[in-house]
Structures are given as C-alpha cells and as structure tokens.
Amino acid sequence: MSESRPSVLFVCVHNAGRSQMAAAFLTHLSTGRVQVRSAGSAPADAVNPSAVAAMAEIGIDLSAETPKILTVDAVHSSDVVITMGCGDTCPVLPGKRYLDWPLDDPAGQGVEAVRPIRDAIEQRVRRLLAELLPEGVSSQTGSSHPGPSSAPIHTR
C-alpha cells in the first residue's frame, strides 16, 4: 500500500449515490484505518436525497457530503479504485488495483429502491475491508442495521 494505511477511491458517474454510500460505509467501518475517497466523472450538484435518507436510516449521515470531480491525482493517490458505472472515463494507471462493482444506479429512485443497493454496497465494503485489514475486522462482522444483510458475511 502507498502509505501506512490503505487508500480506496470509489468512483461512479455522478458521485451522488453508490460511491457516496460506499465511501461512507468504508469510513464508518474502518474507523480511520483506511483512507477513503469518492469521485465522479460527471458530478451531480448534490448527493441523491434517497441515498441520504437510506443511509440515515442506519445512522450514517451523508447530508454534508458533496459530489466531487474525478481527477488523475485521486486515482494516483489510491491503492484500490472501485468503479460503479463510470465506464471508459476512469483513468487506468499502472500499479493500481481496479475492481468493478456492478450495482444498480439509485438516481431517480425512491428510498425503497435504494435500500437493497445500500445493503449490497455494505456487503461488498465489508468483504473489501476484510481483505484490506484482515487482522482488524473480526469485531465488525455483523451488519450495522437490521435487514437482509444482518447475517455475518462469509468470504471465500
């Protein structure tokens, strides 16, 4: 990893839903042990209100977050780059680990439609965190909220 702690960049087109939720989960679950960034290739003016509401339901506040533009510097400063629908606009740099998480876009969706996306993101973030910090996630195996992802996640 590039520093004493790993760094992750979450990227989606508008940086208003999926990447914001993923960054918030990783920030919350890693308790400062991972440097977290998020950005978008064509940032929206504000974070998706349904994403804000879905995260608020589980005690994570996105209301002060703002979408940010994707820069080559952000990619360069990250060990892992996770794309969520930005396509060919994401710069590919040597030595970076790239993952693509195919997730439904919450844009224009109500909170009911965003909840399963939120839960899928949480599961993926927990698996990523177990890879990045295998020694420090045993106390964080359960879900932070009730619902479909409340069972501990088992990785292969």
N, C-alpha and C. Protein backbone atom coordinates (compact mmCIF):
# COMPACT_ATOMS: atom_id res chain seq x y z
N MET A 1 0.83 -1.17 0.00
CA MET A 1 0.00 0.00 0.00
C MET A 1 0.88 1.25 0.00
N SER A 2 0.32 2.34 -0.48
CA SER A 2 1.13 3.53 -0.70
C SER A 2 1.49 4.27 0.60
N GLU A 3 0.78 4.10 1.66
CA GLU A 3 1.10 4.74 2.93
C GLU A 3 0.98 3.69 4.03
N SER A 4 1.00 4.15 5.28
CA SER A 4 0.87 3.22 6.39
C SER A 4 -0.53 2.62 6.46
N ARG A 5 -1.48 3.26 5.83
CA ARG A 5 -2.83 2.70 5.78
C ARG A 5 -3.28 2.65 4.32
N PRO A 6 -4.07 1.65 3.97
CA PRO A 6 -4.51 1.54 2.58
C PRO A 6 -5.45 2.69 2.21
N SER A 7 -5.52 2.97 0.91
CA SER A 7 -6.41 4.03 0.43
C SER A 7 -7.29 3.48 -0.69
N VAL A 8 -8.56 3.88 -0.65
CA VAL A 8 -9.55 3.39 -1.60
C VAL A 8 -10.28 4.58 -2.20
N LEU A 9 -10.50 4.52 -3.52
CA LEU A 9 -11.27 5.52 -4.24
C LEU A 9 -12.49 4.84 -4.84
N PHE A 10 -13.67 5.34 -4.52
CA PHE A 10 -14.92 4.86 -5.09
C PHE A 10 -15.34 5.85 -6.17
N VAL A 11 -15.66 5.31 -7.37
CA VAL A 11 -16.00 6.16 -8.50
C VAL A 11 -17.31 5.72 -9.14
N CYS A 12 -18.22 6.67 -9.33
CA CYS A 12 -19.40 6.45 -10.16
C CYS A 12 -19.62 7.73 -10.95
N VAL A 13 -20.52 7.72 -11.89
CA VAL A 13 -20.66 8.85 -12.80
C VAL A 13 -20.94 10.15 -12.05
N HIS A 14 -21.97 10.17 -11.23
CA HIS A 14 -22.39 11.42 -10.59
C HIS A 14 -21.85 11.64 -9.18
N ASN A 15 -21.20 10.64 -8.60
CA ASN A 15 -20.69 10.74 -7.23
C ASN A 15 -21.79 11.24 -6.30
N ALA A 16 -23.00 10.73 -6.53
CA ALA A 16 -24.14 11.21 -5.76
C ALA A 16 -24.90 10.09 -5.06
N GLY A 17 -24.57 8.84 -5.33
CA GLY A 17 -25.30 7.72 -4.75
C GLY A 17 -24.38 6.59 -4.34
N ARG A 18 -24.10 5.69 -5.27
CA ARG A 18 -23.33 4.48 -4.96
C ARG A 18 -21.96 4.78 -4.35
N SER A 19 -21.19 5.64 -4.99
CA SER A 19 -19.84 5.91 -4.48
C SER A 19 -19.88 6.64 -3.15
N GLN A 20 -20.88 7.50 -2.94
CA GLN A 20 -21.02 8.19 -1.66
C GLN A 20 -21.37 7.20 -0.54
N MET A 21 -22.31 6.27 -0.84
CA MET A 21 -22.68 5.28 0.18
C MET A 21 -21.51 4.37 0.50
N ALA A 22 -20.78 3.93 -0.53
CA ALA A 22 -19.63 3.05 -0.31
C ALA A 22 -18.56 3.74 0.52
N ALA A 23 -18.26 4.99 0.18
CA ALA A 23 -17.26 5.74 0.94
C ALA A 23 -17.68 5.91 2.40
N ALA A 24 -18.96 6.19 2.61
CA ALA A 24 -19.45 6.37 3.97
C ALA A 24 -19.37 5.06 4.77
N PHE A 25 -19.73 3.95 4.13
CA PHE A 25 -19.61 2.66 4.82
C PHE A 25 -18.16 2.36 5.17
N LEU A 26 -17.24 2.55 4.21
CA LEU A 26 -15.84 2.21 4.50
C LEU A 26 -15.26 3.14 5.56
N THR A 27 -15.61 4.40 5.51
CA THR A 27 -15.15 5.34 6.54
C THR A 27 -15.67 4.90 7.91
N HIS A 28 -16.94 4.57 7.98
CA HIS A 28 -17.57 4.16 9.24
C HIS A 28 -16.97 2.85 9.76
N LEU A 29 -16.88 1.86 8.92
CA LEU A 29 -16.44 0.53 9.36
C LEU A 29 -14.94 0.43 9.61
N SER A 30 -14.15 1.23 8.91
CA SER A 30 -12.70 1.14 9.09
C SER A 30 -12.21 1.97 10.27
N THR A 31 -13.04 2.80 10.81
CA THR A 31 -12.70 3.67 11.94
C THR A 31 -11.33 4.34 11.77
N GLY A 32 -11.13 4.91 10.58
CA GLY A 32 -9.91 5.66 10.32
C GLY A 32 -8.72 4.84 9.85
N ARG A 33 -8.87 3.53 9.75
CA ARG A 33 -7.75 2.68 9.36
C ARG A 33 -7.56 2.60 7.85
N VAL A 34 -8.50 3.17 7.09
CA VAL A 34 -8.41 3.22 5.63
C VAL A 34 -8.67 4.65 5.20
N GLN A 35 -7.83 5.15 4.27
CA GLN A 35 -8.09 6.46 3.70
C GLN A 35 -9.12 6.28 2.60
N VAL A 36 -10.20 7.05 2.64
CA VAL A 36 -11.33 6.86 1.74
C VAL A 36 -11.57 8.11 0.92
N ARG A 37 -11.76 7.90 -0.40
CA ARG A 37 -12.11 8.98 -1.31
C ARG A 37 -13.28 8.53 -2.17
N SER A 38 -14.02 9.50 -2.71
CA SER A 38 -15.03 9.18 -3.71
C SER A 38 -15.05 10.33 -4.71
N ALA A 39 -15.44 9.98 -5.95
CA ALA A 39 -15.46 10.99 -7.01
C ALA A 39 -16.36 10.51 -8.13
N GLY A 40 -16.64 11.43 -9.06
CA GLY A 40 -17.47 11.10 -10.20
C GLY A 40 -16.93 11.71 -11.47
N SER A 41 -17.18 11.03 -12.59
CA SER A 41 -16.72 11.53 -13.88
C SER A 41 -17.55 12.73 -14.34
N ALA A 42 -18.79 12.82 -13.90
CA ALA A 42 -19.67 13.96 -14.20
C ALA A 42 -20.50 14.24 -12.95
N PRO A 43 -19.88 14.85 -11.93
CA PRO A 43 -20.55 15.00 -10.64
C PRO A 43 -21.87 15.76 -10.70
N ALA A 44 -22.81 15.29 -9.91
CA ALA A 44 -24.10 15.97 -9.75
C ALA A 44 -23.92 17.21 -8.89
N ASP A 45 -24.98 17.97 -8.74
CA ASP A 45 -24.94 19.16 -7.88
C ASP A 45 -25.03 18.81 -6.41
N ALA A 46 -25.66 17.66 -6.10
CA ALA A 46 -25.86 17.27 -4.71
C ALA A 46 -25.96 15.75 -4.61
N VAL A 47 -25.78 15.26 -3.41
CA VAL A 47 -25.93 13.83 -3.17
C VAL A 47 -27.42 13.47 -3.28
N ASN A 48 -27.69 12.32 -3.86
CA ASN A 48 -29.05 11.83 -4.06
C ASN A 48 -29.80 11.81 -2.72
N PRO A 49 -30.94 12.51 -2.63
CA PRO A 49 -31.69 12.55 -1.37
C PRO A 49 -32.14 11.16 -0.89
N SER A 50 -32.43 10.25 -1.80
CA SER A 50 -32.82 8.90 -1.40
C SER A 50 -31.65 8.14 -0.79
N ALA A 51 -30.44 8.38 -1.31
CA ALA A 51 -29.24 7.77 -0.73
C ALA A 51 -28.99 8.35 0.67
N VAL A 52 -29.17 9.65 0.81
CA VAL A 52 -29.01 10.29 2.12
C VAL A 52 -30.01 9.69 3.11
N ALA A 53 -31.27 9.54 2.69
CA ALA A 53 -32.31 9.00 3.56
C ALA A 53 -32.04 7.55 3.92
N ALA A 54 -31.63 6.74 2.94
CA ALA A 54 -31.36 5.31 3.20
C ALA A 54 -30.20 5.14 4.17
N MET A 55 -29.18 5.97 4.04
CA MET A 55 -28.05 5.87 4.97
C MET A 55 -28.42 6.41 6.35
N ALA A 56 -29.25 7.45 6.40
CA ALA A 56 -29.69 8.00 7.69
C ALA A 56 -30.47 6.95 8.48
N GLU A 57 -31.19 6.08 7.78
CA GLU A 57 -31.95 5.02 8.46
C GLU A 57 -31.05 4.11 9.28
N ILE A 58 -29.80 4.00 8.89
CA ILE A 58 -28.87 3.12 9.61
C ILE A 58 -27.83 3.91 10.40
N GLY A 59 -28.08 5.21 10.55
CA GLY A 59 -27.23 6.02 11.42
C GLY A 59 -25.99 6.60 10.77
N ILE A 60 -25.92 6.63 9.44
CA ILE A 60 -24.79 7.24 8.75
C ILE A 60 -25.29 8.47 8.02
N ASP A 61 -24.69 9.63 8.33
CA ASP A 61 -25.14 10.91 7.82
C ASP A 61 -24.35 11.33 6.58
N LEU A 62 -25.03 11.41 5.44
CA LEU A 62 -24.41 11.87 4.19
C LEU A 62 -24.83 13.31 3.85
N SER A 63 -25.60 13.94 4.70
CA SER A 63 -26.21 15.22 4.36
C SER A 63 -25.19 16.33 4.09
N ALA A 64 -24.00 16.25 4.64
CA ALA A 64 -23.00 17.29 4.43
C ALA A 64 -22.06 16.96 3.26
N GLU A 65 -22.20 15.80 2.65
CA GLU A 65 -21.31 15.41 1.56
C GLU A 65 -21.67 16.14 0.27
N THR A 66 -20.67 16.35 -0.56
CA THR A 66 -20.89 16.96 -1.87
C THR A 66 -20.18 16.13 -2.94
N PRO A 67 -20.78 15.99 -4.11
CA PRO A 67 -20.12 15.27 -5.20
C PRO A 67 -18.82 15.97 -5.61
N LYS A 68 -17.83 15.16 -5.95
CA LYS A 68 -16.52 15.66 -6.32
C LYS A 68 -16.14 15.13 -7.70
N ILE A 69 -15.34 15.89 -8.43
CA ILE A 69 -14.89 15.50 -9.77
C ILE A 69 -13.74 14.49 -9.66
N LEU A 70 -13.76 13.51 -10.53
CA LEU A 70 -12.69 12.52 -10.61
C LEU A 70 -11.46 13.16 -11.23
N THR A 71 -10.32 13.00 -10.56
CA THR A 71 -9.06 13.52 -11.08
C THR A 71 -8.04 12.40 -11.18
N VAL A 72 -7.07 12.58 -12.04
CA VAL A 72 -5.98 11.61 -12.16
C VAL A 72 -5.23 11.54 -10.83
N ASP A 73 -5.10 12.68 -10.15
CA ASP A 73 -4.41 12.70 -8.85
C ASP A 73 -5.11 11.82 -7.82
N ALA A 74 -6.44 11.83 -7.81
CA ALA A 74 -7.18 10.98 -6.88
C ALA A 74 -6.91 9.51 -7.16
N VAL A 75 -6.85 9.14 -8.43
CA VAL A 75 -6.54 7.76 -8.80
C VAL A 75 -5.10 7.44 -8.40
N HIS A 76 -4.19 8.34 -8.71
CA HIS A 76 -2.77 8.14 -8.38
C HIS A 76 -2.56 7.97 -6.88
N SER A 77 -3.33 8.67 -6.06
CA SER A 77 -3.17 8.63 -4.60
C SER A 77 -3.87 7.45 -3.94
N SER A 78 -4.50 6.60 -4.72
CA SER A 78 -5.28 5.49 -4.16
C SER A 78 -4.65 4.15 -4.50
N ASP A 79 -4.73 3.22 -3.57
CA ASP A 79 -4.24 1.86 -3.79
C ASP A 79 -5.26 1.02 -4.55
N VAL A 80 -6.54 1.22 -4.21
CA VAL A 80 -7.62 0.47 -4.83
C VAL A 80 -8.62 1.46 -5.41
N VAL A 81 -9.02 1.23 -6.66
CA VAL A 81 -10.01 2.07 -7.33
C VAL A 81 -11.20 1.17 -7.65
N ILE A 82 -12.35 1.54 -7.11
CA ILE A 82 -13.56 0.75 -7.31
C ILE A 82 -14.53 1.57 -8.15
N THR A 83 -14.82 1.04 -9.35
CA THR A 83 -15.72 1.73 -10.25
C THR A 83 -17.13 1.15 -10.13
N MET A 84 -18.10 2.02 -10.33
CA MET A 84 -19.51 1.64 -10.23
C MET A 84 -20.27 2.29 -11.37
N GLY A 85 -19.82 2.03 -12.60
CA GLY A 85 -20.56 2.52 -13.75
C GLY A 85 -19.97 3.74 -14.42
N CYS A 86 -18.69 4.03 -14.22
CA CYS A 86 -18.14 5.22 -14.88
C CYS A 86 -17.57 4.90 -16.25
N GLY A 87 -17.50 3.63 -16.64
CA GLY A 87 -17.08 3.26 -17.98
C GLY A 87 -15.66 3.67 -18.32
N ASP A 88 -15.48 4.13 -19.53
CA ASP A 88 -14.14 4.44 -20.04
C ASP A 88 -13.57 5.74 -19.50
N THR A 89 -14.30 6.49 -18.71
CA THR A 89 -13.80 7.77 -18.24
C THR A 89 -12.84 7.64 -17.06
N CYS A 90 -12.72 6.46 -16.48
CA CYS A 90 -11.82 6.28 -15.35
C CYS A 90 -10.39 6.09 -15.84
N PRO A 91 -9.46 6.93 -15.38
CA PRO A 91 -8.07 6.74 -15.79
C PRO A 91 -7.51 5.44 -15.23
N VAL A 92 -6.77 4.72 -16.06
CA VAL A 92 -6.15 3.47 -15.64
C VAL A 92 -4.66 3.72 -15.51
N LEU A 93 -4.15 3.57 -14.31
CA LEU A 93 -2.74 3.80 -14.03
C LEU A 93 -2.09 2.49 -13.62
N PRO A 94 -0.84 2.27 -14.00
CA PRO A 94 -0.16 1.04 -13.60
C PRO A 94 0.03 0.97 -12.09
N GLY A 95 -0.03 -0.23 -11.57
CA GLY A 95 0.22 -0.46 -10.15
C GLY A 95 -0.99 -0.27 -9.25
N LYS A 96 -2.13 0.05 -9.83
CA LYS A 96 -3.35 0.23 -9.05
C LYS A 96 -4.20 -1.02 -9.17
N ARG A 97 -4.91 -1.33 -8.12
CA ARG A 97 -5.86 -2.42 -8.15
C ARG A 97 -7.22 -1.85 -8.51
N TYR A 98 -7.82 -2.38 -9.56
CA TYR A 98 -9.13 -1.91 -10.02
C TYR A 98 -10.16 -3.01 -9.81
N LEU A 99 -11.31 -2.61 -9.26
CA LEU A 99 -12.44 -3.51 -9.10
C LEU A 99 -13.66 -2.81 -9.70
N ASP A 100 -14.53 -3.58 -10.33
CA ASP A 100 -15.78 -3.02 -10.82
C ASP A 100 -16.91 -3.68 -10.06
N TRP A 101 -17.73 -2.86 -9.43
CA TRP A 101 -18.88 -3.35 -8.70
C TRP A 101 -20.13 -3.01 -9.50
N PRO A 102 -20.69 -3.97 -10.23
CA PRO A 102 -21.91 -3.70 -10.99
C PRO A 102 -23.10 -3.60 -10.04
N LEU A 103 -23.55 -2.40 -9.82
CA LEU A 103 -24.67 -2.12 -8.90
C LEU A 103 -25.68 -1.24 -9.61
N ASP A 104 -26.94 -1.42 -9.29
CA ASP A 104 -27.98 -0.57 -9.85
C ASP A 104 -27.72 0.88 -9.46
N ASP A 105 -28.07 1.78 -10.36
CA ASP A 105 -27.92 3.21 -10.11
C ASP A 105 -29.13 3.72 -9.33
N PRO A 106 -28.93 4.34 -8.18
CA PRO A 106 -30.05 4.84 -7.40
C PRO A 106 -30.64 6.16 -7.91
N ALA A 107 -30.06 6.73 -8.97
CA ALA A 107 -30.56 8.01 -9.49
C ALA A 107 -32.03 7.90 -9.86
N GLY A 108 -32.81 8.85 -9.35
CA GLY A 108 -34.23 8.90 -9.66
C GLY A 108 -35.07 7.87 -8.93
N GLN A 109 -34.48 7.11 -8.05
CA GLN A 109 -35.19 6.06 -7.30
C GLN A 109 -35.61 6.59 -5.93
N GLY A 110 -36.67 6.01 -5.42
CA GLY A 110 -37.10 6.32 -4.06
C GLY A 110 -36.29 5.52 -3.05
N VAL A 111 -36.45 5.85 -1.80
CA VAL A 111 -35.66 5.19 -0.75
C VAL A 111 -35.91 3.69 -0.72
N GLU A 112 -37.13 3.25 -1.06
CA GLU A 112 -37.42 1.81 -1.05
C GLU A 112 -36.53 1.07 -2.05
N ALA A 113 -36.26 1.68 -3.20
CA ALA A 113 -35.41 1.07 -4.22
C ALA A 113 -33.93 1.20 -3.87
N VAL A 114 -33.59 2.19 -3.06
CA VAL A 114 -32.19 2.41 -2.70
C VAL A 114 -31.73 1.48 -1.58
N ARG A 115 -32.64 1.05 -0.72
CA ARG A 115 -32.25 0.18 0.40
C ARG A 115 -31.51 -1.08 -0.06
N PRO A 116 -32.00 -1.84 -1.06
CA PRO A 116 -31.24 -3.03 -1.47
C PRO A 116 -29.88 -2.69 -2.08
N ILE A 117 -29.78 -1.54 -2.74
CA ILE A 117 -28.48 -1.11 -3.28
C ILE A 117 -27.54 -0.81 -2.11
N ARG A 118 -28.05 -0.09 -1.12
CA ARG A 118 -27.28 0.23 0.09
C ARG A 118 -26.78 -1.05 0.75
N ASP A 119 -27.66 -2.04 0.89
CA ASP A 119 -27.28 -3.29 1.56
C ASP A 119 -26.24 -4.06 0.76
N ALA A 120 -26.36 -4.04 -0.57
CA ALA A 120 -25.37 -4.72 -1.41
C ALA A 120 -24.02 -4.02 -1.30
N ILE A 121 -24.03 -2.70 -1.25
CA ILE A 121 -22.79 -1.94 -1.08
C ILE A 121 -22.16 -2.27 0.26
N GLU A 122 -22.96 -2.33 1.32
CA GLU A 122 -22.42 -2.65 2.63
C GLU A 122 -21.73 -4.01 2.62
N GLN A 123 -22.34 -5.00 2.02
CA GLN A 123 -21.74 -6.33 1.96
C GLN A 123 -20.41 -6.30 1.22
N ARG A 124 -20.36 -5.61 0.10
CA ARG A 124 -19.12 -5.52 -0.67
C ARG A 124 -18.04 -4.78 0.11
N VAL A 125 -18.42 -3.70 0.79
CA VAL A 125 -17.45 -2.93 1.58
C VAL A 125 -16.90 -3.79 2.72
N ARG A 126 -17.75 -4.57 3.37
CA ARG A 126 -17.27 -5.44 4.46
C ARG A 126 -16.27 -6.47 3.93
N ARG A 127 -16.55 -7.04 2.75
CA ARG A 127 -15.59 -8.00 2.16
C ARG A 127 -14.28 -7.30 1.82
N LEU A 128 -14.36 -6.11 1.24
CA LEU A 128 -13.16 -5.35 0.92
C LEU A 128 -12.36 -5.04 2.17
N LEU A 129 -13.03 -4.61 3.21
CA LEU A 129 -12.35 -4.29 4.46
C LEU A 129 -11.65 -5.52 5.04
N ALA A 130 -12.27 -6.66 4.94
CA ALA A 130 -11.64 -7.91 5.43
C ALA A 130 -10.37 -8.22 4.64
N GLU A 131 -10.33 -7.86 3.36
CA GLU A 131 -9.12 -8.05 2.56
C GLU A 131 -8.05 -7.03 2.92
N LEU A 132 -8.47 -5.79 3.11
CA LEU A 132 -7.51 -4.72 3.38
C LEU A 132 -6.93 -4.79 4.78
N LEU A 133 -7.77 -5.16 5.74
CA LEU A 133 -7.36 -5.20 7.15
C LEU A 133 -7.78 -6.52 7.77
N PRO A 134 -7.22 -7.64 7.32
CA PRO A 134 -7.70 -8.94 7.80
C PRO A 134 -7.56 -9.14 9.31
N GLU A 135 -6.62 -8.44 9.92
CA GLU A 135 -6.42 -8.61 11.36
C GLU A 135 -7.40 -7.83 12.21
N GLY A 136 -8.13 -6.88 11.59
CA GLY A 136 -8.90 -5.99 12.43
C GLY A 136 -10.37 -5.92 12.17
N VAL A 137 -10.97 -6.92 11.53
CA VAL A 137 -12.40 -6.82 11.26
C VAL A 137 -13.23 -7.85 11.99
N SER A 138 -12.63 -8.68 12.81
CA SER A 138 -13.41 -9.73 13.46
C SER A 138 -14.51 -9.17 14.34
N SER A 139 -14.31 -8.01 14.92
CA SER A 139 -15.35 -7.42 15.77
C SER A 139 -16.40 -6.69 14.95
N GLN A 140 -16.21 -6.59 13.65
CA GLN A 140 -17.12 -5.84 12.79
C GLN A 140 -17.84 -6.75 11.80
N THR A 141 -18.07 -8.03 12.13
CA THR A 141 -18.62 -8.95 11.14
C THR A 141 -20.11 -8.82 10.94
N GLY A 142 -20.85 -8.38 11.92
CA GLY A 142 -22.30 -8.25 11.77
C GLY A 142 -22.66 -6.97 11.05
N SER A 143 -23.88 -6.88 10.62
CA SER A 143 -24.36 -5.69 9.93
C SER A 143 -24.60 -4.56 10.93
N SER A 144 -24.53 -3.34 10.44
CA SER A 144 -24.79 -2.19 11.29
C SER A 144 -26.26 -1.86 11.38
N HIS A 145 -27.10 -2.63 10.68
CA HIS A 145 -28.53 -2.37 10.70
C HIS A 145 -29.31 -3.65 10.46
N PRO A 146 -30.56 -3.67 10.87
CA PRO A 146 -31.37 -4.85 10.64
C PRO A 146 -31.74 -4.96 9.18
N GLY A 147 -32.05 -6.16 8.73
CA GLY A 147 -32.49 -6.33 7.36
C GLY A 147 -31.78 -7.49 6.69
N PRO A 148 -31.82 -7.54 5.36
CA PRO A 148 -31.32 -8.69 4.64
C PRO A 148 -29.84 -8.96 4.83
N SER A 149 -29.04 -7.93 5.15
CA SER A 149 -27.61 -8.17 5.29
C SER A 149 -27.19 -8.30 6.76
N SER A 150 -28.13 -8.65 7.65
CA SER A 150 -27.80 -8.70 9.06
C SER A 150 -26.98 -9.93 9.45
N ALA A 151 -26.94 -10.94 8.61
CA ALA A 151 -26.11 -12.12 8.90
C ALA A 151 -24.65 -11.77 8.62
N PRO A 152 -23.74 -12.39 9.38
CA PRO A 152 -22.32 -12.16 9.10
C PRO A 152 -22.00 -12.55 7.66
N ILE A 153 -21.08 -11.83 7.07
CA ILE A 153 -20.68 -12.11 5.70
C ILE A 153 -19.54 -13.11 5.73
N HIS A 154 -19.67 -14.15 4.93
CA HIS A 154 -18.63 -15.17 4.84
C HIS A 154 -17.91 -15.01 3.53
N THR A 155 -16.59 -14.81 3.59
CA THR A 155 -15.80 -14.68 2.36
C THR A 155 -15.20 -16.03 2.03
N ARG A 156 -14.87 -16.17 0.76
CA ARG A 156 -14.28 -17.43 0.31
C ARG A 156 -12.84 -17.54 0.67
